[in-house]
Amino acid sequence: MAARHAVISGASIAGLSAAFWLRRTGWEVTVLERSGTFRDGGQNVDVRGVAREVLARMGLTEAVKAQNTTETGTVFVESDGRVRAELPSNGPDSATAEFEVLRGDFARTILENLPDGVEITYGDTITDVAEDADAVTVTTTSGRVLHADLLVIAEGVRSATRDLLFGDQVDRRDLGIAMAFGTIPRTASDDSRWRWYTTTRGRQVHLRPDNHGTTRAMLAQAHSADLTGLDRADALAKLREQFADAGWESRRVLDGFDTSDDVYLDQLTQIRMPSWHRGRVCLAGDAAWCVTPMGGGGASLALVSGYVLAASLPTAGGLAAYEKWMRPLVQDVQDLPSWIVRVAYPRTRFGLALRKVADKVITSRPLAPLTARFTQVADTTRPLPPVEAHV
């Protein structure tokens, strides 16, 4: 009997996890990635909840732990850098998790440990998909025609292939928060903590350590125009206008972004869909359910999705079983309180004063255990479905 063939579009965490587990369970796997090379770099992600068990089953716990960003805690700071409050950091799923790793380092670790036989093609992407009862046929920009038993769309939040096939089912929920991420030079004032600064007009500045001798920076503003459609120069000029008087390390970050080679802009948008599969096609990761950094846990959900997909396909439920197992984890993260953006990103001095009081209250000793629960994602008491490995 010929081995089943899966085509996976997207070579980040969700796509590579699917490739790992489908190959382990006997599938022939072809991965297509739009980027011309492996996409290194990126900001901090983490491995939480049941994703830690998936990582252990992959045999990659120590390999990922060795890529730790060196971050030891999370603090809220004032404009002069003084610490106002510190989030609980006692446990594997605290604000700074046990497994803190850069997105690129995490994805590369999976890539370098894929089972033999996974084919990865860079610089190619899907232009057309045709389905019939026996196969799904994929045509790419390079002219390749691939016949497969399964197509896994594991692209990003703005997935073109998802929109091609499921466009009328995609519910995009713009959270109204613009973010800019980048790598800047490390200075003597940087330490091992995630430092988080909030000021008026819905602005935040974040600095986080990495394990490459640099600092990962983020600028965020709520109630802001979408910057993703601007070219780099115009976007950076707009950020400089918005953050020129923000205080703390904002000017340093703006100056660092001017010369950074990995500045990335995002408009936080949740993706919600009534179904993540149709026929021989399924979605995974941000293409299916982008939870955004506001919800957190996107990398953990991406890692788990590949395992659950491979475990579910041989069962009677198939893709429906995959979706049934994953949905509760995703919904738990996506269902943000209606007030969260107003509180997290205050516009006025009065709102900022209330935010500072709230920070001290939620990090106080009596409430710290309750606050710690908000960082628990991909957490479930359900056992992972079994996987029967063949490779």
Protein backbone atom coordinates (compact mmCIF):
# COMPACT_ATOMS: atom_id res chain seq x y z
CA MET A 1 0.00 0.00 0.00
CA ALA A 2 1.43 3.38 -1.03
CA ALA A 3 2.19 5.84 1.75
CA ARG A 4 -0.23 8.71 2.12
CA HIS A 5 1.10 12.10 1.02
CA ALA A 6 0.58 15.40 2.85
CA VAL A 7 1.41 18.85 1.52
CA ILE A 8 1.98 21.46 4.22
CA SER A 9 2.01 25.16 3.38
CA GLY A 10 4.08 27.08 5.91
CA ALA A 11 7.38 26.18 7.59
CA SER A 12 7.07 27.81 10.97
CA ILE A 13 6.10 26.11 14.23
CA ALA A 14 2.65 24.79 13.24
CA GLY A 15 3.79 23.55 9.83
CA LEU A 16 6.98 21.97 11.14
CA SER A 17 5.13 20.29 14.01
CA ALA A 18 2.64 18.83 11.53
CA ALA A 19 5.52 17.70 9.31
CA PHE A 20 7.28 16.07 12.27
CA TRP A 21 4.27 14.09 13.46
CA LEU A 22 2.80 13.18 10.08
CA ARG A 23 6.17 11.80 9.00
CA ARG A 24 6.53 9.94 12.28
CA THR A 25 3.17 8.28 11.61
CA GLY A 26 4.15 7.12 8.14
CA TRP A 27 3.10 9.94 5.82
CA GLU A 28 5.15 11.25 2.92
CA VAL A 29 5.47 14.98 3.62
CA THR A 30 6.17 17.96 1.37
CA VAL A 31 6.48 21.39 3.01
CA LEU A 32 6.16 24.57 0.94
CA GLU A 33 7.41 27.88 2.36
CA ARG A 34 6.82 31.26 0.72
CA SER A 35 10.06 32.74 2.09
CA GLY A 36 13.18 32.10 0.05
CA THR A 37 15.04 30.77 3.09
CA PHE A 38 14.29 29.61 6.61
CA ARG A 39 12.84 32.55 8.57
CA ASP A 40 15.15 33.01 11.52
CA GLY A 41 14.87 35.63 14.26
CA GLY A 42 11.59 36.79 15.74
CA GLN A 43 10.45 37.60 19.23
CA ASN A 44 10.00 35.56 22.41
CA VAL A 45 7.58 32.67 22.39
CA ASP A 46 7.08 30.01 25.02
CA VAL A 47 6.03 26.42 25.58
CA ARG A 48 3.17 26.07 28.05
CA GLY A 49 0.63 23.58 29.31
CA VAL A 50 0.18 20.40 27.31
CA ALA A 51 2.70 21.68 24.74
CA ARG A 52 5.45 20.72 27.19
CA GLU A 53 4.27 17.11 26.96
CA VAL A 54 4.24 17.26 23.15
CA LEU A 55 7.77 18.65 23.23
CA ALA A 56 8.85 15.77 25.48
CA ARG A 57 7.28 13.22 23.11
CA MET A 58 9.27 14.79 20.28
CA GLY A 59 12.42 14.27 22.35
CA LEU A 60 13.22 17.99 22.13
CA THR A 61 12.84 19.18 25.71
CA GLU A 62 16.56 19.63 26.36
CA ALA A 63 17.24 21.02 22.88
CA VAL A 64 14.64 23.77 23.33
CA LYS A 65 15.69 24.43 26.91
CA ALA A 66 19.23 25.01 25.64
CA GLN A 67 17.86 27.87 23.48
CA ASN A 68 16.40 29.70 26.50
CA THR A 69 16.40 33.49 26.08
CA THR A 70 17.87 33.93 29.61
CA GLU A 71 14.77 35.85 30.75
CA THR A 72 14.15 35.43 34.49
CA GLY A 73 11.09 37.54 35.28
CA THR A 74 8.57 40.19 34.22
CA VAL A 75 8.34 43.68 35.74
CA PHE A 76 6.31 46.83 35.17
CA VAL A 77 8.53 49.93 35.18
CA GLU A 78 8.11 53.67 35.61
CA SER A 79 9.47 56.26 33.19
CA ASP A 80 12.74 56.39 35.12
CA GLY A 81 13.14 52.61 35.00
CA ARG A 82 12.14 51.96 38.63
CA VAL A 83 10.20 48.72 39.10
CA ARG A 84 6.58 49.40 40.04
CA ALA A 85 5.39 45.80 40.25
CA GLU A 86 6.54 42.29 39.36
CA LEU A 87 4.38 39.54 37.91
CA PRO A 88 4.44 36.12 39.61
CA SER A 89 7.25 33.95 38.26
CA ASN A 90 7.00 30.79 40.35
CA GLY A 91 6.11 27.90 38.06
CA PRO A 92 6.59 26.67 34.50
CA ASP A 93 3.64 28.71 33.16
CA SER A 94 4.30 32.05 34.87
CA ALA A 95 4.62 35.33 32.92
CA THR A 96 8.18 34.28 32.12
CA ALA A 97 7.71 30.61 31.36
CA GLU A 98 10.12 27.75 32.00
CA PHE A 99 10.60 27.47 28.22
CA GLU A 100 11.21 30.99 26.86
CA VAL A 101 12.72 30.84 23.38
CA LEU A 102 12.89 33.00 20.29
CA ARG A 103 10.46 32.00 17.55
CA GLY A 104 13.25 31.37 15.06
CA ASP A 105 15.30 29.31 17.51
CA PHE A 106 12.24 27.22 18.36
CA ALA A 107 11.32 26.59 14.72
CA ARG A 108 14.92 25.80 13.79
CA THR A 109 15.16 23.24 16.59
CA ILE A 110 12.14 21.40 15.16
CA LEU A 111 13.48 21.76 11.61
CA GLU A 112 16.85 20.25 12.52
CA ASN A 113 15.18 17.29 14.19
CA LEU A 114 12.59 16.39 11.55
CA PRO A 115 12.45 12.69 10.73
CA ASP A 116 14.24 11.68 7.53
CA GLY A 117 12.16 11.99 4.41
CA VAL A 118 10.46 15.36 4.91
CA GLU A 119 10.90 17.48 1.76
CA ILE A 120 11.03 21.26 2.29
CA THR A 121 10.90 23.69 -0.62
CA TYR A 122 11.60 27.39 0.01
CA GLY A 123 10.52 30.23 -2.24
CA ASP A 124 7.40 28.47 -3.48
CA THR A 125 3.78 28.86 -2.55
CA ILE A 126 0.33 27.67 -3.57
CA THR A 127 -1.57 29.36 -6.39
CA ASP A 128 -4.39 26.86 -6.94
CA VAL A 129 -6.06 23.94 -5.16
CA ALA A 130 -8.39 21.41 -6.75
CA GLU A 131 -10.19 18.75 -4.73
CA ASP A 132 -11.94 15.56 -5.70
CA ALA A 133 -12.97 12.39 -3.90
CA ASP A 134 -9.54 10.78 -4.24
CA ALA A 135 -7.00 13.58 -3.82
CA VAL A 136 -6.24 17.24 -3.44
CA THR A 137 -4.13 18.72 -6.23
CA VAL A 138 -1.89 21.68 -5.46
CA THR A 139 -0.31 23.97 -8.05
CA THR A 140 2.51 26.29 -6.99
CA THR A 141 4.09 29.50 -8.25
CA SER A 142 7.02 27.50 -9.66
CA GLY A 143 4.65 25.38 -11.72
CA ARG A 144 4.84 22.25 -9.56
CA VAL A 145 1.72 20.10 -9.46
CA LEU A 146 1.43 17.98 -6.32
CA HIS A 147 -1.19 15.30 -5.76
CA ALA A 148 -1.81 14.64 -2.08
CA ASP A 149 -4.15 12.95 0.35
CA LEU A 150 -4.10 15.97 2.67
CA LEU A 151 -3.32 19.68 2.47
CA VAL A 152 -2.40 21.42 5.72
CA ILE A 153 -2.50 25.22 5.58
CA ALA A 154 -0.17 26.36 8.35
CA GLU A 155 0.48 29.88 7.14
CA GLY A 156 0.18 33.12 9.13
CA VAL A 157 -2.73 35.28 10.19
CA ARG A 158 -3.02 36.76 6.69
CA SER A 159 -2.87 33.39 4.93
CA ALA A 160 -3.55 33.73 1.22
CA THR A 161 -4.24 30.01 0.75
CA ARG A 162 -6.79 30.01 3.57
CA ASP A 163 -8.52 32.99 2.02
CA LEU A 164 -8.51 31.27 -1.38
CA LEU A 165 -10.34 28.23 -0.01
CA PHE A 166 -12.22 29.49 3.05
CA GLY A 167 -12.49 33.23 2.39
CA ASP A 168 -16.19 33.61 3.18
CA GLN A 169 -15.76 31.80 6.51
CA VAL A 170 -12.93 33.93 7.90
CA ASP A 171 -13.96 36.21 10.77
CA ARG A 172 -11.17 38.76 11.28
CA ARG A 173 -11.40 40.59 14.61
CA ASP A 174 -9.09 43.59 14.69
CA LEU A 175 -8.19 44.32 18.32
CA GLY A 176 -7.15 47.85 17.41
CA ILE A 177 -3.55 47.42 18.57
CA ALA A 178 -0.56 48.16 16.33
CA MET A 179 2.75 46.53 17.28
CA ALA A 180 6.29 46.88 16.00
CA PHE A 181 8.93 44.29 16.88
CA GLY A 182 12.66 44.41 16.30
CA THR A 183 16.13 43.56 17.57
CA ILE A 184 18.27 46.37 18.98
CA PRO A 185 21.77 46.53 20.50
CA ARG A 186 22.08 45.43 24.09
CA THR A 187 23.30 48.01 26.61
CA ALA A 188 24.68 47.85 30.14
CA SER A 189 21.29 48.95 31.51
CA ASP A 190 19.54 45.85 30.14
CA ASP A 191 19.07 42.94 32.51
CA SER A 192 17.51 39.48 32.54
CA ARG A 193 13.94 40.67 33.00
CA TRP A 194 11.10 41.47 30.62
CA ARG A 195 10.62 45.18 31.31
CA TRP A 196 7.21 46.53 30.45
CA TYR A 197 6.42 50.26 30.34
CA THR A 198 2.94 51.73 29.86
CA THR A 199 2.09 55.38 29.31
CA THR A 200 -0.75 57.54 28.02
CA ARG A 201 -2.36 57.49 24.55
CA GLY A 202 -2.46 53.70 24.69
CA ARG A 203 1.30 53.24 24.31
CA GLN A 204 3.63 50.55 25.61
CA VAL A 205 7.38 49.91 25.32
CA HIS A 206 8.81 46.45 26.00
CA LEU A 207 12.41 45.27 26.31
CA ARG A 208 13.33 41.59 26.67
CA PRO A 209 16.70 39.82 26.83
CA ASP A 210 17.74 37.21 24.31
CA ASN A 211 20.47 34.60 24.11
CA HIS A 212 22.25 36.24 21.16
CA GLY A 213 23.75 39.25 22.93
CA THR A 214 21.04 41.65 21.74
CA THR A 215 17.72 42.93 23.08
CA ARG A 216 14.26 42.27 21.66
CA ALA A 217 12.13 45.41 21.64
CA MET A 218 8.47 46.08 21.04
CA LEU A 219 6.40 49.24 20.63
CA ALA A 220 2.63 48.88 20.93
CA GLN A 221 -0.21 51.37 20.65
CA ALA A 222 -3.93 50.78 21.01
CA HIS A 223 -6.55 52.85 19.20
CA SER A 224 -3.94 53.33 16.45
CA ALA A 225 -4.07 53.22 12.68
CA ASP A 226 -2.91 50.03 10.98
CA LEU A 227 0.75 50.39 9.99
CA THR A 228 1.10 47.09 8.14
CA GLY A 229 0.27 48.61 4.76
CA LEU A 230 3.07 51.18 4.96
CA ASP A 231 6.58 50.69 3.64
CA ARG A 232 9.39 50.51 6.20
CA ALA A 233 10.42 54.17 6.02
CA ASP A 234 6.88 55.50 6.38
CA ALA A 235 6.06 53.06 9.18
CA LEU A 236 9.16 54.01 11.17
CA ALA A 237 8.43 57.70 10.65
CA LYS A 238 4.90 57.17 11.96
CA LEU A 239 6.22 55.29 14.99
CA ARG A 240 8.68 58.08 15.72
CA GLU A 241 5.83 60.59 15.60
CA GLN A 242 3.68 58.46 17.92
CA PHE A 243 6.38 57.57 20.46
CA ALA A 244 8.66 60.65 20.41
CA ASP A 245 7.39 61.81 23.82
CA ALA A 246 6.51 58.41 25.29
CA GLY A 247 9.42 58.41 27.73
CA TRP A 248 11.57 55.67 29.27
CA GLU A 249 13.55 53.84 26.53
CA SER A 250 11.27 54.78 23.63
CA ARG A 251 13.84 56.92 21.79
CA ARG A 252 16.47 54.22 22.13
CA VAL A 253 14.05 51.71 20.59
CA LEU A 254 13.13 54.10 17.77
CA ASP A 255 16.81 54.70 17.00
CA GLY A 256 17.48 50.96 17.17
CA PHE A 257 14.66 50.18 14.75
CA ASP A 258 16.19 52.56 12.20
CA THR A 259 19.13 50.19 11.75
CA SER A 260 17.53 46.87 12.75
CA ASP A 261 17.26 44.33 9.94
CA ASP A 262 14.26 42.49 11.35
CA VAL A 263 11.62 45.09 12.18
CA TYR A 264 8.19 43.51 11.88
CA LEU A 265 4.84 45.33 12.00
CA ASP A 266 1.56 43.77 13.03
CA GLN A 267 -2.03 44.83 13.57
CA LEU A 268 -3.33 42.41 16.17
CA THR A 269 -6.13 40.45 14.56
CA GLN A 270 -7.84 37.36 15.85
CA ILE A 271 -8.94 34.74 13.32
CA ARG A 272 -12.14 32.86 14.11
CA MET A 273 -13.69 30.27 11.84
CA PRO A 274 -16.72 27.97 12.10
CA SER A 275 -14.63 25.06 10.83
CA TRP A 276 -10.93 24.40 10.33
CA HIS A 277 -11.35 21.68 7.73
CA ARG A 278 -13.14 20.78 4.53
CA GLY A 279 -12.70 17.65 2.49
CA ARG A 280 -8.96 16.89 2.40
CA VAL A 281 -7.89 20.35 3.54
CA CYS A 282 -7.30 21.57 7.09
CA LEU A 283 -5.93 24.64 8.83
CA ALA A 284 -3.47 24.87 11.71
CA GLY A 285 -1.81 27.62 13.73
CA ASP A 286 -2.43 31.32 13.09
CA ALA A 287 -4.14 30.64 9.76
CA ALA A 288 -6.89 28.84 11.67
CA TRP A 289 -7.15 30.65 15.00
CA CYS A 290 -4.65 33.46 15.48
CA VAL A 291 -4.90 34.26 19.20
CA THR A 292 -2.53 37.29 19.04
CA PRO A 293 0.03 38.20 21.72
CA MET A 294 -2.87 39.60 23.78
CA GLY A 295 -4.11 36.06 24.33
CA GLY A 296 -0.67 34.46 24.28
CA GLY A 297 0.27 30.85 23.78
CA GLY A 298 0.23 30.88 19.99
CA ALA A 299 3.45 28.86 19.72
CA SER A 300 2.19 26.29 22.23
CA LEU A 301 -1.08 25.84 20.34
CA ALA A 302 0.84 25.56 17.06
CA LEU A 303 3.09 22.83 18.47
CA VAL A 304 0.16 20.87 19.91
CA SER A 305 -1.85 21.13 16.69
CA GLY A 306 0.66 19.11 14.68
CA TYR A 307 0.61 16.29 17.20
CA VAL A 308 -3.18 16.20 17.55
CA LEU A 309 -3.63 16.30 13.77
CA ALA A 310 -1.40 13.25 13.25
CA ALA A 311 -3.04 11.42 16.16
CA SER A 312 -6.57 12.11 14.90
CA LEU A 313 -6.23 11.20 11.23
CA PRO A 314 -6.20 7.41 11.71
CA THR A 315 -9.32 7.56 13.91
CA ALA A 316 -12.92 7.38 12.76
CA GLY A 317 -13.29 11.11 13.48
CA GLY A 318 -10.34 12.16 11.32
CA LEU A 319 -10.12 15.92 10.83
CA ALA A 320 -13.30 16.44 12.86
CA ALA A 321 -11.61 14.73 15.82
CA TYR A 322 -8.58 17.01 15.41
CA GLU A 323 -10.80 20.06 15.52
CA LYS A 324 -12.87 18.80 18.44
CA TRP A 325 -9.74 18.24 20.55
CA MET A 326 -8.12 21.59 19.72
CA ARG A 327 -11.12 23.94 19.93
CA PRO A 328 -11.38 24.18 23.73
CA LEU A 329 -7.71 25.15 24.01
CA VAL A 330 -8.09 27.86 21.36
CA GLN A 331 -11.37 29.28 22.69
CA ASP A 332 -9.92 29.52 26.18
CA VAL A 333 -7.26 31.91 24.85
CA GLN A 334 -9.36 33.81 22.30
CA ASP A 335 -12.19 34.77 24.63
CA LEU A 336 -10.64 37.96 25.98
CA PRO A 337 -12.59 40.14 28.44
CA SER A 338 -14.26 43.11 26.74
CA TRP A 339 -12.41 45.56 28.99
CA ILE A 340 -8.90 44.19 28.50
CA VAL A 341 -7.71 46.66 25.84
CA ARG A 342 -9.00 49.73 27.73
CA VAL A 343 -7.27 48.63 30.94
CA ALA A 344 -4.03 47.38 29.37
CA TYR A 345 -3.65 50.46 27.13
CA PRO A 346 -4.94 53.54 29.01
CA ARG A 347 -5.39 56.71 26.99
CA THR A 348 -5.43 59.35 29.72
CA ARG A 349 -3.36 60.23 32.80
CA PHE A 350 -6.30 59.23 34.96
CA GLY A 351 -6.56 55.88 33.18
CA LEU A 352 -2.81 55.37 33.60
CA ALA A 353 -3.07 56.11 37.32
CA LEU A 354 -5.81 53.48 37.63
CA ARG A 355 -3.68 51.03 35.67
CA LYS A 356 -0.77 51.54 38.08
CA VAL A 357 -3.02 50.88 41.06
CA ALA A 358 -4.38 47.76 39.34
CA ASP A 359 -0.84 46.50 38.68
CA LYS A 360 0.03 46.74 42.35
CA VAL A 361 -3.20 45.04 43.40
CA ILE A 362 -2.96 42.08 41.01
CA THR A 363 0.69 41.46 41.91
CA SER A 364 0.11 41.71 45.66
CA ARG A 365 0.74 38.60 47.71
CA PRO A 366 -2.96 37.75 48.26
CA LEU A 367 -3.86 38.02 44.56
CA ALA A 368 -0.64 36.79 42.95
CA PRO A 369 -1.83 33.14 42.75
CA LEU A 370 -5.00 34.26 40.94
CA THR A 371 -3.03 36.52 38.60
CA ALA A 372 -0.73 33.61 37.74
CA ARG A 373 -3.69 31.73 36.27
CA PHE A 374 -4.02 34.31 33.47
CA THR A 375 -0.74 33.11 31.97
CA GLN A 376 -1.82 29.47 31.87
CA VAL A 377 -2.64 28.62 28.26
CA ALA A 378 -2.80 25.32 26.36
CA ASP A 379 -3.72 23.88 29.74
CA THR A 380 -6.01 20.85 29.88
CA THR A 381 -6.76 17.83 32.03
CA ARG A 382 -7.56 15.76 28.94
CA PRO A 383 -4.88 13.25 27.97
CA LEU A 384 -3.28 13.70 24.58
CA PRO A 385 -4.65 11.26 21.99
CA PRO A 386 -2.21 8.40 21.29
CA VAL A 387 0.12 8.47 18.30
CA GLU A 388 1.35 5.29 16.66
CA ALA A 389 4.78 6.08 15.25
CA HIS A 390 6.00 4.28 12.11
CA VAL A 391 9.18 6.26 11.32
